[in-house]
């Protein structure tokens, strides 16, 4: 019988391998979603997939980490962010760099969707991924890349494609990741954690 928790994976950012499902969480008006187990030395790469993340309020989707033995989700981050968007009526297509959401040795939660926020209209949500590299290393900093897509409802709705990358500036192993909105709750949606072997 096939193992449906393992998926063949080929990505330009990493070597080809198998995605192995570790865990998942389904939001239901949660203030935070935390992954406090399953991130260890088993895999060199971990990927979180976001499926239709819907906020209770108009808000940004964010994440932070704890090093082994740490608490407070306040590891030091240096990051860079940009996005591209296009309107439904095709009147505006823009590529933007967002210095305001970058961190330079910051300890805030890192925003994944850069501008504007995710709407809380019934049909609006965010989907995408966060890729974390070698979090159990005690030699190197911990790199991440992210890409998310969300719908912005306005007079002329937007399709927004956000890109981010950076690193946790610590040589301590990272073993916990937390997600939350910067305002209100995660009303609905799924987050799945995979290891890449």
Foldseek 3Di string as FASTA:
>chain_A
DDDPQWDFDDDPVDHTFIWGFDDKDKDAQAQKDKDQADQAQPFQKKKKWWFFFAFPAQFFKFKAFAFVVGDDRFFFKFKWKKKWKAWPVRPDTDTGTDPPQGHDRGRDTHTFFGPDTFHNPPPKGKTWMKMWGRQQALPDWIKIKIWMWIWDDDPTIMIMIMIMIITRPHSGHIRMMMMGTPDGGRNTIMMIMIGGD
